[in-house]
Amino acid sequence: NAQEDRFSNVFSRFRDTIPCYSDFIRYVLWHNNAVKTTRNLDIKAKVLFYEDYETDQVETTDKLLHFLGLNRSHSMEPFKGGKSYRDH
């Protein structure tokens, strides 16, 4: 398949510079499959980013709760930001 060949060519250039290359590929494939599944099954999805919690924890949490049809039941612990995949 031409798309798979392009994917393979692009990532083969970066294979040696990406830490945990196989985990990165699994991560990308999992997310691609999740997006395809939500579209194919017409499932509502909400995309949130880690950085959104860092910049506005309350608003980001409220958006998630609204999407899930839930209400806040108690106060939140402060978000401890500043982490990245490199921390693991």
Protein backbone atom coordinates (compact mmCIF):
# COMPACT_ATOMS: atom_id res chain seq x y z
CA ASN A 1 0.00 0.00 0.00
CA ALA A 2 1.42 3.39 -1.02
CA GLN A 3 0.41 5.10 2.21
CA GLU A 4 2.19 2.49 4.31
CA ASP A 5 5.30 2.83 2.13
CA ARG A 6 5.34 6.61 2.66
CA PHE A 7 4.87 6.11 6.42
CA SER A 8 7.73 3.62 6.46
CA ASN A 9 10.04 5.90 4.47
CA VAL A 10 9.38 8.94 6.65
CA PHE A 11 9.87 7.12 9.94
CA SER A 12 12.89 5.14 8.77
CA ARG A 13 14.76 8.46 8.56
CA PHE A 14 14.01 9.18 12.23
CA ARG A 15 14.24 5.65 13.65
CA ASP A 16 17.67 6.16 15.20
CA THR A 17 16.84 9.54 16.74
CA ILE A 18 13.50 8.63 18.35
CA PRO A 19 13.91 7.11 21.82
CA CYS A 20 11.89 3.89 22.18
CA TYR A 21 11.07 3.84 18.46
CA SER A 22 8.80 0.78 18.68
CA ASP A 23 6.81 2.35 21.53
CA PHE A 24 6.46 5.54 19.48
CA ILE A 25 5.09 3.56 16.52
CA ARG A 26 2.61 1.73 18.78
CA TYR A 27 1.54 5.10 20.22
CA VAL A 28 0.94 6.57 16.74
CA LEU A 29 -0.90 3.48 15.49
CA TRP A 30 -3.10 3.31 18.61
CA HIS A 31 -4.16 6.94 18.18
CA ASN A 32 -4.73 6.53 14.44
CA ASN A 33 -6.92 3.49 15.10
CA ALA A 34 -8.82 5.32 17.83
CA VAL A 35 -9.63 8.18 15.45
CA LYS A 36 -10.68 5.76 12.68
CA THR A 37 -12.88 3.79 15.08
CA THR A 38 -14.69 6.87 16.39
CA ARG A 39 -15.36 7.98 12.82
CA ASN A 40 -16.40 4.55 11.53
CA LEU A 41 -18.74 3.90 14.46
CA ASP A 42 -19.92 7.53 14.62
CA ILE A 43 -18.86 7.80 18.26
CA LYS A 44 -18.48 11.23 19.83
CA ALA A 45 -14.94 11.95 20.93
CA LYS A 46 -13.27 14.72 22.85
CA VAL A 47 -9.61 15.51 22.28
CA LEU A 48 -7.77 17.01 25.22
CA PHE A 49 -4.13 17.95 25.48
CA TYR A 50 -1.89 17.63 28.51
CA GLU A 51 -0.82 21.25 28.05
CA ASP A 52 -4.44 22.39 28.42
CA TYR A 53 -4.46 21.15 32.01
CA GLU A 54 -1.27 23.05 32.62
CA THR A 55 -2.57 26.35 31.23
CA ASP A 56 -6.16 26.14 32.54
CA GLN A 57 -6.94 23.10 34.65
CA VAL A 58 -10.42 24.24 35.68
CA GLU A 59 -11.66 25.08 32.16
CA THR A 60 -10.17 21.89 30.70
CA THR A 61 -11.74 19.75 33.41
CA ASP A 62 -15.07 21.52 32.97
CA LYS A 63 -14.98 20.80 29.21
CA LEU A 64 -14.36 17.13 29.91
CA LEU A 65 -17.11 16.94 32.52
CA HIS A 66 -19.54 18.67 30.16
CA PHE A 67 -18.66 16.22 27.37
CA LEU A 68 -19.27 13.30 29.74
CA GLY A 69 -22.50 14.82 31.06
CA LEU A 70 -21.15 14.98 34.60
CA ASN A 71 -21.01 17.64 37.28
CA ARG A 72 -18.05 18.51 39.46
CA SER A 73 -18.49 16.73 42.77
CA HIS A 74 -15.58 18.21 44.71
CA SER A 75 -12.62 20.55 44.43
CA MET A 76 -9.58 19.48 42.46
CA GLU A 77 -6.05 18.94 43.58
CA PRO A 78 -3.64 21.39 41.94
CA PHE A 79 -2.26 20.13 38.65
CA LYS A 80 1.46 19.35 38.71
CA GLY A 81 2.60 20.30 35.26
CA GLY A 82 5.93 20.54 33.57
CA LYS A 83 6.30 16.84 32.83
CA SER A 84 7.09 15.34 29.46
CA TYR A 85 7.59 11.92 27.91
CA ARG A 86 11.30 12.37 28.45
CA ASP A 87 10.63 12.23 32.23
CA HIS A 88 9.72 8.54 31.94
